[in-house]
Amino acid sequence: MSSVTPPSRRERNKRAVRARLVAATLKLAVAHGFDATSVAEITAQAGVAKGTFFNYFPTKEAVIEERYDELFGRALAIVEASGPSSPREWFRSVFGRMARSLARERRIVQLVLLEGPRIKSIAAKERASFAALHRAYVRVLGGTGPFADRAANVLQHVWSGAVEEWASSPGMRLEAEIVRRVDVVFRGLGPRPSR
């Protein structure tokens, strides 16, 4: 027998309202821009009273921050849970799993890419996230010297470039593309091996 009590109807309703507010914020902000999206529009889209928004979030920025924190938390958990292997296999595995974790998050990725630099809290979180992942990548690549640092930068830009392209290319499969790009980096840009 499980001792976990299922959430009450009230708790389920609160979660549903919160999810609708987040979805409405992302949808409207991607479509019209973050600054042009009002709380009144968000609550109308979510089907709740305007004041309800502030029962869940102190600001519009808080919605984006929360979602960003969730996504980065997933990425960091993937990195931390990855065991030792060759650098190539580690990056193929980690980037592939990170890509799968973003598969349904195109709106928040689009919003962070479009508006992140202008939202101070998101820009600061992006810099902190970049630094945390960079340290992990350097460790996997040997942990010392300028080679590991430069290689980690290259791989971070490979990831970022693929994500940026994916965010604006609905038909692109991020996981397959990022694995191909990791292979190019580790194989080098010499002649393609014959099959």
N, C-alpha and C. Protein backbone atom coordinates (compact mmCIF):
# COMPACT_ATOMS: atom_id res chain seq x y z
N MET A 1 0.84 -1.18 0.00
CA MET A 1 0.00 0.00 0.00
C MET A 1 0.88 1.24 0.00
N SER A 2 0.46 2.19 -0.79
CA SER A 2 1.19 3.44 -0.89
C SER A 2 0.66 4.44 0.14
N SER A 3 1.58 5.17 0.76
CA SER A 3 1.16 6.17 1.74
C SER A 3 1.07 7.56 1.12
N VAL A 4 1.25 7.65 -0.19
CA VAL A 4 1.18 8.93 -0.88
C VAL A 4 -0.28 9.29 -1.10
N THR A 5 -0.65 10.45 -0.60
CA THR A 5 -2.02 10.92 -0.75
C THR A 5 -2.14 11.65 -2.08
N PRO A 6 -3.13 11.28 -2.88
CA PRO A 6 -3.29 11.99 -4.15
C PRO A 6 -3.67 13.45 -3.88
N PRO A 7 -3.32 14.34 -4.82
CA PRO A 7 -3.65 15.75 -4.61
C PRO A 7 -5.16 15.95 -4.55
N SER A 8 -5.56 16.90 -3.75
CA SER A 8 -6.98 17.22 -3.62
C SER A 8 -7.49 17.88 -4.90
N ARG A 9 -8.78 17.96 -5.04
CA ARG A 9 -9.38 18.63 -6.19
C ARG A 9 -8.91 20.08 -6.26
N ARG A 10 -8.84 20.74 -5.12
CA ARG A 10 -8.39 22.13 -5.08
C ARG A 10 -6.96 22.25 -5.59
N GLU A 11 -6.08 21.34 -5.16
CA GLU A 11 -4.68 21.36 -5.61
C GLU A 11 -4.59 21.08 -7.10
N ARG A 12 -5.38 20.12 -7.59
CA ARG A 12 -5.38 19.84 -9.04
C ARG A 12 -5.85 21.06 -9.82
N ASN A 13 -6.88 21.75 -9.32
CA ASN A 13 -7.37 22.95 -9.98
C ASN A 13 -6.32 24.05 -9.99
N LYS A 14 -5.61 24.23 -8.88
CA LYS A 14 -4.55 25.24 -8.81
C LYS A 14 -3.44 24.93 -9.81
N ARG A 15 -3.06 23.67 -9.91
CA ARG A 15 -2.03 23.27 -10.87
C ARG A 15 -2.49 23.54 -12.30
N ALA A 16 -3.75 23.25 -12.57
CA ALA A 16 -4.30 23.46 -13.92
C ALA A 16 -4.31 24.95 -14.28
N VAL A 17 -4.71 25.80 -13.34
CA VAL A 17 -4.72 27.24 -13.59
C VAL A 17 -3.30 27.73 -13.83
N ARG A 18 -2.38 27.30 -13.00
CA ARG A 18 -0.98 27.71 -13.15
C ARG A 18 -0.45 27.29 -14.53
N ALA A 19 -0.73 26.07 -14.93
CA ALA A 19 -0.29 25.57 -16.24
C ALA A 19 -0.90 26.39 -17.38
N ARG A 20 -2.18 26.76 -17.25
CA ARG A 20 -2.82 27.58 -18.29
C ARG A 20 -2.19 28.97 -18.35
N LEU A 21 -1.86 29.53 -17.20
CA LEU A 21 -1.21 30.85 -17.18
C LEU A 21 0.17 30.80 -17.85
N VAL A 22 0.93 29.76 -17.56
CA VAL A 22 2.25 29.61 -18.18
C VAL A 22 2.09 29.45 -19.69
N ALA A 23 1.20 28.55 -20.11
CA ALA A 23 1.00 28.31 -21.55
C ALA A 23 0.55 29.58 -22.26
N ALA A 24 -0.36 30.32 -21.66
CA ALA A 24 -0.86 31.57 -22.27
C ALA A 24 0.26 32.60 -22.37
N THR A 25 1.06 32.72 -21.32
CA THR A 25 2.17 33.68 -21.34
C THR A 25 3.13 33.37 -22.46
N LEU A 26 3.51 32.11 -22.58
CA LEU A 26 4.47 31.72 -23.61
C LEU A 26 3.89 31.93 -25.01
N LYS A 27 2.66 31.51 -25.21
CA LYS A 27 2.03 31.64 -26.52
C LYS A 27 1.94 33.10 -26.95
N LEU A 28 1.44 33.95 -26.07
CA LEU A 28 1.26 35.36 -26.41
C LEU A 28 2.59 36.09 -26.55
N ALA A 29 3.53 35.79 -25.67
CA ALA A 29 4.82 36.48 -25.71
C ALA A 29 5.60 36.12 -26.97
N VAL A 30 5.51 34.87 -27.41
CA VAL A 30 6.17 34.49 -28.66
C VAL A 30 5.48 35.16 -29.84
N ALA A 31 4.16 35.22 -29.81
CA ALA A 31 3.42 35.80 -30.93
C ALA A 31 3.53 37.31 -31.02
N HIS A 32 3.52 38.00 -29.87
CA HIS A 32 3.43 39.46 -29.88
C HIS A 32 4.62 40.17 -29.25
N GLY A 33 5.53 39.42 -28.66
CA GLY A 33 6.64 40.01 -27.93
C GLY A 33 6.30 40.09 -26.45
N PHE A 34 7.32 39.94 -25.63
CA PHE A 34 7.10 39.89 -24.19
C PHE A 34 6.55 41.20 -23.65
N ASP A 35 7.17 42.31 -24.03
CA ASP A 35 6.73 43.60 -23.51
C ASP A 35 5.33 43.97 -23.97
N ALA A 36 4.96 43.54 -25.18
CA ALA A 36 3.64 43.88 -25.73
C ALA A 36 2.52 43.01 -25.17
N THR A 37 2.88 41.97 -24.45
CA THR A 37 1.87 41.08 -23.87
C THR A 37 1.50 41.56 -22.48
N SER A 38 0.22 41.80 -22.27
CA SER A 38 -0.24 42.29 -20.97
C SER A 38 -0.77 41.14 -20.11
N VAL A 39 -0.81 41.39 -18.83
CA VAL A 39 -1.37 40.40 -17.90
C VAL A 39 -2.84 40.17 -18.22
N ALA A 40 -3.55 41.23 -18.64
CA ALA A 40 -4.97 41.08 -19.00
C ALA A 40 -5.12 40.11 -20.18
N GLU A 41 -4.24 40.21 -21.17
CA GLU A 41 -4.29 39.29 -22.31
C GLU A 41 -3.97 37.86 -21.87
N ILE A 42 -3.00 37.73 -20.99
CA ILE A 42 -2.62 36.40 -20.50
C ILE A 42 -3.79 35.75 -19.78
N THR A 43 -4.40 36.49 -18.87
CA THR A 43 -5.50 35.90 -18.10
C THR A 43 -6.72 35.62 -18.98
N ALA A 44 -6.97 36.49 -19.97
CA ALA A 44 -8.08 36.23 -20.88
C ALA A 44 -7.82 34.94 -21.67
N GLN A 45 -6.59 34.79 -22.16
CA GLN A 45 -6.21 33.58 -22.91
C GLN A 45 -6.32 32.34 -22.01
N ALA A 46 -5.97 32.49 -20.74
CA ALA A 46 -6.01 31.36 -19.80
C ALA A 46 -7.41 31.10 -19.25
N GLY A 47 -8.33 32.04 -19.48
CA GLY A 47 -9.71 31.87 -19.01
C GLY A 47 -9.88 32.08 -17.52
N VAL A 48 -9.11 33.01 -16.95
CA VAL A 48 -9.22 33.32 -15.53
C VAL A 48 -9.31 34.84 -15.34
N ALA A 49 -9.71 35.25 -14.15
CA ALA A 49 -9.80 36.68 -13.84
C ALA A 49 -8.40 37.29 -13.79
N LYS A 50 -8.30 38.58 -14.14
CA LYS A 50 -7.00 39.25 -14.21
C LYS A 50 -6.22 39.13 -12.90
N GLY A 51 -6.87 39.36 -11.78
CA GLY A 51 -6.18 39.30 -10.50
C GLY A 51 -5.63 37.94 -10.16
N THR A 52 -6.16 36.90 -10.79
CA THR A 52 -5.71 35.53 -10.53
C THR A 52 -4.23 35.37 -10.86
N PHE A 53 -3.77 36.07 -11.88
CA PHE A 53 -2.38 35.95 -12.29
C PHE A 53 -1.46 36.18 -11.10
N PHE A 54 -1.74 37.21 -10.32
CA PHE A 54 -0.84 37.60 -9.23
C PHE A 54 -0.95 36.68 -8.01
N ASN A 55 -1.92 35.79 -8.02
CA ASN A 55 -1.96 34.75 -6.98
C ASN A 55 -0.91 33.68 -7.25
N TYR A 56 -0.43 33.63 -8.50
CA TYR A 56 0.52 32.59 -8.91
C TYR A 56 1.92 33.14 -9.21
N PHE A 57 1.98 34.35 -9.75
CA PHE A 57 3.26 34.93 -10.17
C PHE A 57 3.29 36.41 -9.80
N PRO A 58 4.42 36.89 -9.26
CA PRO A 58 4.51 38.31 -8.92
C PRO A 58 4.66 39.22 -10.15
N THR A 59 5.23 38.68 -11.24
CA THR A 59 5.45 39.45 -12.46
C THR A 59 5.38 38.51 -13.66
N LYS A 60 5.27 39.11 -14.85
CA LYS A 60 5.35 38.30 -16.08
C LYS A 60 6.71 37.62 -16.17
N GLU A 61 7.75 38.34 -15.81
CA GLU A 61 9.10 37.78 -15.86
C GLU A 61 9.23 36.51 -15.02
N ALA A 62 8.50 36.47 -13.92
CA ALA A 62 8.57 35.30 -13.04
C ALA A 62 8.10 34.03 -13.73
N VAL A 63 7.16 34.17 -14.66
CA VAL A 63 6.69 32.99 -15.41
C VAL A 63 7.84 32.43 -16.24
N ILE A 64 8.53 33.32 -16.93
CA ILE A 64 9.62 32.90 -17.80
C ILE A 64 10.78 32.36 -16.96
N GLU A 65 11.08 33.04 -15.86
CA GLU A 65 12.16 32.58 -14.98
C GLU A 65 11.89 31.17 -14.47
N GLU A 66 10.66 30.93 -14.04
CA GLU A 66 10.32 29.61 -13.51
C GLU A 66 10.51 28.53 -14.56
N ARG A 67 10.01 28.78 -15.78
CA ARG A 67 10.17 27.79 -16.84
C ARG A 67 11.63 27.60 -17.21
N TYR A 68 12.38 28.71 -17.25
CA TYR A 68 13.81 28.61 -17.56
C TYR A 68 14.51 27.77 -16.50
N ASP A 69 14.21 28.03 -15.23
CA ASP A 69 14.83 27.26 -14.15
C ASP A 69 14.52 25.76 -14.27
N GLU A 70 13.29 25.45 -14.65
CA GLU A 70 12.91 24.04 -14.83
C GLU A 70 13.73 23.40 -15.95
N LEU A 71 13.85 24.10 -17.07
CA LEU A 71 14.59 23.56 -18.21
C LEU A 71 16.07 23.40 -17.89
N PHE A 72 16.65 24.41 -17.26
CA PHE A 72 18.06 24.30 -16.91
C PHE A 72 18.27 23.21 -15.87
N GLY A 73 17.34 23.07 -14.93
CA GLY A 73 17.42 22.00 -13.94
C GLY A 73 17.45 20.64 -14.60
N ARG A 74 16.63 20.47 -15.63
CA ARG A 74 16.64 19.20 -16.37
C ARG A 74 17.99 18.97 -17.04
N ALA A 75 18.51 20.01 -17.70
CA ALA A 75 19.80 19.88 -18.40
C ALA A 75 20.91 19.53 -17.41
N LEU A 76 20.93 20.22 -16.29
CA LEU A 76 21.98 19.97 -15.29
C LEU A 76 21.86 18.56 -14.71
N ALA A 77 20.63 18.10 -14.49
CA ALA A 77 20.43 16.73 -13.98
C ALA A 77 20.94 15.70 -14.98
N ILE A 78 20.73 15.96 -16.26
CA ILE A 78 21.24 15.05 -17.30
C ILE A 78 22.76 15.01 -17.25
N VAL A 79 23.38 16.18 -17.16
CA VAL A 79 24.84 16.26 -17.11
C VAL A 79 25.37 15.54 -15.88
N GLU A 80 24.77 15.80 -14.73
CA GLU A 80 25.26 15.21 -13.48
C GLU A 80 25.04 13.71 -13.42
N ALA A 81 24.01 13.21 -14.10
CA ALA A 81 23.70 11.78 -14.06
C ALA A 81 24.50 10.98 -15.08
N SER A 82 25.24 11.65 -15.94
CA SER A 82 25.97 10.96 -16.99
C SER A 82 27.28 10.40 -16.47
N GLY A 83 27.45 9.12 -16.67
CA GLY A 83 28.65 8.45 -16.20
C GLY A 83 29.83 8.65 -17.13
N PRO A 84 30.96 8.12 -16.71
CA PRO A 84 32.17 8.28 -17.51
C PRO A 84 32.08 7.50 -18.83
N SER A 85 32.60 8.10 -19.86
CA SER A 85 32.72 7.48 -21.17
C SER A 85 33.67 8.34 -21.97
N SER A 86 33.90 7.98 -23.21
CA SER A 86 34.76 8.82 -24.04
C SER A 86 34.07 10.17 -24.22
N PRO A 87 34.83 11.25 -24.40
CA PRO A 87 34.19 12.55 -24.59
C PRO A 87 33.16 12.54 -25.73
N ARG A 88 33.50 11.91 -26.83
CA ARG A 88 32.54 11.88 -27.95
C ARG A 88 31.24 11.23 -27.54
N GLU A 89 31.33 10.05 -26.94
CA GLU A 89 30.10 9.35 -26.52
C GLU A 89 29.36 10.13 -25.43
N TRP A 90 30.10 10.75 -24.52
CA TRP A 90 29.46 11.54 -23.46
C TRP A 90 28.66 12.68 -24.07
N PHE A 91 29.24 13.43 -24.99
CA PHE A 91 28.52 14.56 -25.60
C PHE A 91 27.37 14.08 -26.48
N ARG A 92 27.54 13.00 -27.20
CA ARG A 92 26.44 12.46 -28.00
C ARG A 92 25.27 12.10 -27.09
N SER A 93 25.58 11.42 -26.00
CA SER A 93 24.53 10.99 -25.07
C SER A 93 23.88 12.17 -24.36
N VAL A 94 24.71 13.04 -23.79
CA VAL A 94 24.18 14.16 -23.02
C VAL A 94 23.40 15.12 -23.90
N PHE A 95 23.97 15.51 -25.03
CA PHE A 95 23.27 16.44 -25.92
C PHE A 95 22.00 15.80 -26.47
N GLY A 96 22.05 14.51 -26.76
CA GLY A 96 20.85 13.82 -27.23
C GLY A 96 19.74 13.83 -26.19
N ARG A 97 20.10 13.54 -24.94
CA ARG A 97 19.10 13.55 -23.87
C ARG A 97 18.60 14.96 -23.59
N MET A 98 19.50 15.95 -23.66
CA MET A 98 19.06 17.34 -23.48
C MET A 98 18.10 17.74 -24.60
N ALA A 99 18.37 17.30 -25.81
CA ALA A 99 17.49 17.60 -26.93
C ALA A 99 16.11 16.98 -26.71
N ARG A 100 16.07 15.73 -26.24
CA ARG A 100 14.77 15.11 -25.96
C ARG A 100 14.01 15.87 -24.89
N SER A 101 14.74 16.41 -23.91
CA SER A 101 14.06 17.15 -22.84
C SER A 101 13.48 18.47 -23.33
N LEU A 102 13.99 18.98 -24.45
CA LEU A 102 13.47 20.23 -25.03
C LEU A 102 12.38 19.99 -26.07
N ALA A 103 12.15 18.76 -26.44
CA ALA A 103 11.29 18.44 -27.58
C ALA A 103 9.94 19.17 -27.56
N ARG A 104 9.35 19.34 -26.41
CA ARG A 104 8.04 20.00 -26.32
C ARG A 104 8.13 21.42 -25.79
N GLU A 105 9.32 21.98 -25.80
CA GLU A 105 9.55 23.29 -25.18
C GLU A 105 9.92 24.38 -26.19
N ARG A 106 9.50 24.22 -27.43
CA ARG A 106 9.88 25.18 -28.47
C ARG A 106 9.48 26.61 -28.11
N ARG A 107 8.31 26.82 -27.53
CA ARG A 107 7.87 28.18 -27.21
C ARG A 107 8.77 28.87 -26.20
N ILE A 108 9.13 28.18 -25.14
CA ILE A 108 9.99 28.83 -24.14
C ILE A 108 11.38 29.06 -24.71
N VAL A 109 11.86 28.15 -25.54
CA VAL A 109 13.17 28.35 -26.17
C VAL A 109 13.11 29.55 -27.10
N GLN A 110 12.06 29.66 -27.90
CA GLN A 110 11.90 30.81 -28.79
C GLN A 110 11.88 32.10 -27.99
N LEU A 111 11.14 32.09 -26.90
CA LEU A 111 11.01 33.29 -26.08
C LEU A 111 12.34 33.68 -25.44
N VAL A 112 13.07 32.71 -24.91
CA VAL A 112 14.36 33.02 -24.31
C VAL A 112 15.32 33.55 -25.37
N LEU A 113 15.30 32.97 -26.56
CA LEU A 113 16.18 33.45 -27.62
C LEU A 113 15.81 34.85 -28.08
N LEU A 114 14.50 35.12 -28.20
CA LEU A 114 14.05 36.43 -28.68
C LEU A 114 14.15 37.52 -27.63
N GLU A 115 13.72 37.21 -26.44
CA GLU A 115 13.56 38.24 -25.41
C GLU A 115 14.56 38.13 -24.27
N GLY A 116 15.23 37.00 -24.15
CA GLY A 116 16.15 36.78 -23.03
C GLY A 116 17.15 37.88 -22.80
N PRO A 117 17.81 38.37 -23.86
CA PRO A 117 18.79 39.43 -23.63
C PRO A 117 18.20 40.71 -23.03
N ARG A 118 16.90 40.94 -23.27
CA ARG A 118 16.27 42.15 -22.75
C ARG A 118 15.68 41.96 -21.35
N ILE A 119 15.44 40.72 -20.96
CA ILE A 119 14.92 40.44 -19.62
C ILE A 119 16.13 40.16 -18.74
N LYS A 120 16.47 41.12 -17.88
CA LYS A 120 17.72 41.04 -17.12
C LYS A 120 17.87 39.75 -16.34
N SER A 121 16.80 39.31 -15.70
CA SER A 121 16.91 38.09 -14.89
C SER A 121 17.21 36.87 -15.75
N ILE A 122 16.65 36.81 -16.96
CA ILE A 122 16.91 35.67 -17.84
C ILE A 122 18.33 35.75 -18.39
N ALA A 123 18.76 36.95 -18.76
CA ALA A 123 20.13 37.11 -19.27
C ALA A 123 21.14 36.66 -18.21
N ALA A 124 20.90 37.02 -16.95
CA ALA A 124 21.80 36.60 -15.87
C ALA A 124 21.76 35.08 -15.69
N LYS A 125 20.58 34.49 -15.78
CA LYS A 125 20.45 33.04 -15.65
C LYS A 125 21.15 32.33 -16.82
N GLU A 126 21.06 32.89 -18.01
CA GLU A 126 21.75 32.32 -19.17
C GLU A 126 23.26 32.29 -18.95
N ARG A 127 23.81 33.39 -18.45
CA ARG A 127 25.25 33.44 -18.19
C ARG A 127 25.65 32.41 -17.13
N ALA A 128 24.86 32.29 -16.07
CA ALA A 128 25.16 31.32 -15.01
C ALA A 128 25.04 29.89 -15.53
N SER A 129 24.04 29.63 -16.34
CA SER A 129 23.85 28.30 -16.92
C SER A 129 25.01 27.94 -17.83
N PHE A 130 25.41 28.88 -18.67
CA PHE A 130 26.53 28.67 -19.58
C PHE A 130 27.78 28.32 -18.79
N ALA A 131 28.03 29.06 -17.71
CA ALA A 131 29.23 28.83 -16.90
C ALA A 131 29.19 27.45 -16.23
N ALA A 132 28.04 27.06 -15.69
CA ALA A 132 27.92 25.76 -15.03
C ALA A 132 28.14 24.61 -16.01
N LEU A 133 27.51 24.71 -17.18
CA LEU A 133 27.69 23.66 -18.18
C LEU A 133 29.12 23.64 -18.71
N HIS A 134 29.69 24.81 -18.89
CA HIS A 134 31.07 24.90 -19.39
C HIS A 134 32.03 24.16 -18.45
N ARG A 135 31.87 24.34 -17.15
CA ARG A 135 32.73 23.65 -16.18
C ARG A 135 32.60 22.13 -16.33
N ALA A 136 31.38 21.67 -16.51
CA ALA A 136 31.16 20.22 -16.67
C ALA A 136 31.80 19.73 -17.97
N TYR A 137 31.66 20.48 -19.03
CA TYR A 137 32.23 20.07 -20.32
C TYR A 137 33.75 20.03 -20.25
N VAL A 138 34.35 21.02 -19.59
CA VAL A 138 35.81 21.04 -19.45
C VAL A 138 36.29 19.79 -18.72
N ARG A 139 35.57 19.40 -17.66
CA ARG A 139 35.95 18.19 -16.92
C ARG A 139 35.94 16.97 -17.84
N VAL A 140 34.90 16.83 -18.63
CA VAL A 140 34.77 15.68 -19.53
C VAL A 140 35.89 15.68 -20.57
N LEU A 141 36.32 16.86 -20.97
CA LEU A 141 37.34 16.99 -22.02
C LEU A 141 38.78 16.96 -21.49
N GLY A 142 38.95 16.64 -20.24
CA GLY A 142 40.30 16.51 -19.71
C GLY A 142 40.60 17.45 -18.57
N GLY A 143 39.81 18.48 -18.41
CA GLY A 143 39.86 19.31 -17.22
C GLY A 143 40.99 20.29 -17.05
N THR A 144 41.97 20.32 -17.91
CA THR A 144 43.06 21.26 -17.71
C THR A 144 43.50 21.86 -19.03
N GLY A 145 44.02 23.04 -18.95
CA GLY A 145 44.64 23.68 -20.09
C GLY A 145 43.68 24.33 -21.05
N PRO A 146 44.26 25.09 -21.97
CA PRO A 146 43.44 25.85 -22.91
C PRO A 146 42.68 24.98 -23.90
N PHE A 147 43.20 23.78 -24.22
CA PHE A 147 42.49 22.92 -25.17
C PHE A 147 41.10 22.57 -24.66
N ALA A 148 41.01 22.10 -23.41
CA ALA A 148 39.71 21.70 -22.85
C ALA A 148 38.77 22.88 -22.80
N ASP A 149 39.29 24.05 -22.44
CA ASP A 149 38.45 25.25 -22.38
C ASP A 149 37.91 25.62 -23.76
N ARG A 150 38.79 25.62 -24.76
CA ARG A 150 38.37 25.97 -26.12
C ARG A 150 37.41 24.93 -26.69
N ALA A 151 37.72 23.67 -26.47
CA ALA A 151 36.85 22.61 -26.98
C ALA A 151 35.46 22.68 -26.32
N ALA A 152 35.42 23.00 -25.03
CA ALA A 152 34.13 23.16 -24.35
C ALA A 152 33.35 24.32 -24.96
N ASN A 153 34.05 25.42 -25.28
CA ASN A 153 33.37 26.55 -25.93
C ASN A 153 32.81 26.14 -27.29
N VAL A 154 33.60 25.40 -28.06
CA VAL A 154 33.13 24.96 -29.38
C VAL A 154 31.87 24.12 -29.23
N LEU A 155 31.91 23.17 -28.30
CA LEU A 155 30.76 22.28 -28.12
C LEU A 155 29.54 23.03 -27.58
N GLN A 156 29.76 24.02 -26.73
CA GLN A 156 28.62 24.82 -26.27
C GLN A 156 28.00 25.57 -27.44
N HIS A 157 28.83 26.08 -28.34
CA HIS A 157 28.30 26.80 -29.50
C HIS A 157 27.64 25.86 -30.50
N VAL A 158 28.13 24.64 -30.59
CA VAL A 158 27.47 23.64 -31.42
C VAL A 158 26.06 23.40 -30.89
N TRP A 159 25.95 23.23 -29.58
CA TRP A 159 24.64 23.04 -28.95
C TRP A 159 23.75 24.26 -29.18
N SER A 160 24.26 25.44 -28.85
CA SER A 160 23.46 26.67 -28.97
C SER A 160 23.00 26.91 -30.41
N GLY A 161 23.90 26.69 -31.35
CA GLY A 161 23.54 26.89 -32.75
C GLY A 161 22.44 25.94 -33.20
N ALA A 162 22.55 24.69 -32.80
CA ALA A 162 21.51 23.71 -33.16
C ALA A 162 20.18 24.09 -32.53
N VAL A 163 20.19 24.52 -31.28
CA VAL A 163 18.95 24.90 -30.60
C VAL A 163 18.32 26.12 -31.27
N GLU A 164 19.14 27.11 -31.61
CA GLU A 164 18.62 28.30 -32.29
C GLU A 164 17.97 27.93 -33.63
N GLU A 165 18.64 27.08 -34.39
CA GLU A 165 18.07 26.66 -35.67
C GLU A 165 16.78 25.88 -35.46
N TRP A 166 16.78 24.97 -34.50
CA TRP A 166 15.59 24.17 -34.20
C TRP A 166 14.41 25.04 -33.79
N ALA A 167 14.67 26.07 -33.00
CA ALA A 167 13.59 26.93 -32.50
C ALA A 167 12.84 27.60 -33.63
N SER A 168 13.51 27.84 -34.74
CA SER A 168 12.85 28.52 -35.85
C SER A 168 12.58 27.60 -37.04
N SER A 169 12.82 26.31 -36.89
CA SER A 169 12.64 25.34 -37.98
C SER A 169 11.74 24.21 -37.51
N PRO A 170 10.42 24.36 -37.67
CA PRO A 170 9.48 23.37 -37.13
C PRO A 170 9.74 21.92 -37.54
N GLY A 171 10.27 21.67 -38.72
CA GLY A 171 10.49 20.29 -39.17
C GLY A 171 11.78 19.67 -38.69
N MET A 172 12.64 20.45 -38.06
CA MET A 172 13.95 19.95 -37.66
C MET A 172 13.84 19.05 -36.42
N ARG A 173 14.57 17.94 -36.45
CA ARG A 173 14.64 17.05 -35.29
C ARG A 173 15.93 17.37 -34.55
N LEU A 174 15.80 18.02 -33.42
CA LEU A 174 16.96 18.51 -32.68
C LEU A 174 17.90 17.38 -32.26
N GLU A 175 17.36 16.30 -31.75
CA GLU A 175 18.23 15.23 -31.26
C GLU A 175 19.11 14.67 -32.36
N ALA A 176 18.53 14.35 -33.50
CA ALA A 176 19.32 13.78 -34.60
C ALA A 176 20.35 14.80 -35.09
N GLU A 177 19.95 16.05 -35.19
CA GLU A 177 20.87 17.07 -35.69
C GLU A 177 22.03 17.32 -34.74
N ILE A 178 21.76 17.36 -33.44
CA ILE A 178 22.85 17.65 -32.50
C ILE A 178 23.84 16.48 -32.46
N VAL A 179 23.37 15.27 -32.57
CA VAL A 179 24.29 14.12 -32.59
C VAL A 179 25.16 14.18 -33.84
N ARG A 180 24.57 14.54 -34.99
CA ARG A 180 25.37 14.68 -36.22
C ARG A 180 26.44 15.75 -36.05
N ARG A 181 26.09 16.86 -35.42
CA ARG A 181 27.05 17.95 -35.24
C ARG A 181 28.17 17.57 -34.27
N VAL A 182 27.83 16.83 -33.23
CA VAL A 182 28.87 16.36 -32.30
C VAL A 182 29.83 15.45 -33.05
N ASP A 183 29.30 14.58 -33.90
CA ASP A 183 30.16 13.69 -34.67
C ASP A 183 31.11 14.48 -35.58
N VAL A 184 30.61 15.55 -36.19
CA VAL A 184 31.46 16.37 -37.05
C VAL A 184 32.60 16.98 -36.23
N VAL A 185 32.27 17.49 -35.05
CA VAL A 185 33.31 18.09 -34.21
C VAL A 185 34.39 17.08 -33.86
N PHE A 186 33.99 15.90 -33.43
CA PHE A 186 34.98 14.92 -32.99
C PHE A 186 35.70 14.24 -34.16
N ARG A 187 35.05 14.16 -35.30
CA ARG A 187 35.70 13.58 -36.47
C ARG A 187 36.62 14.62 -37.11
N GLY A 188 36.28 15.88 -36.96
CA GLY A 188 37.03 16.95 -37.60
C GLY A 188 36.45 17.25 -38.97
N LEU A 189 36.98 18.23 -39.60
CA LEU A 189 36.43 18.66 -40.88
C LEU A 189 37.21 18.12 -42.06
N GLY A 190 37.97 17.07 -41.84
CA GLY A 190 38.72 16.44 -42.92
C GLY A 190 37.77 15.72 -43.86
N PRO A 191 38.33 14.96 -44.78
CA PRO A 191 37.48 14.22 -45.74
C PRO A 191 36.57 13.24 -45.02
N ARG A 192 35.40 13.07 -45.54
CA ARG A 192 34.45 12.12 -44.94
C ARG A 192 34.96 10.70 -45.14
N PRO A 193 34.82 9.88 -44.11
CA PRO A 193 35.25 8.48 -44.25
C PRO A 193 34.36 7.76 -45.26
N SER A 194 34.94 6.88 -46.04
CA SER A 194 34.13 6.10 -46.99
C SER A 194 33.41 4.99 -46.24
N ARG A 195 32.32 4.59 -46.78
CA ARG A 195 31.52 3.56 -46.09
C ARG A 195 31.73 2.24 -46.72
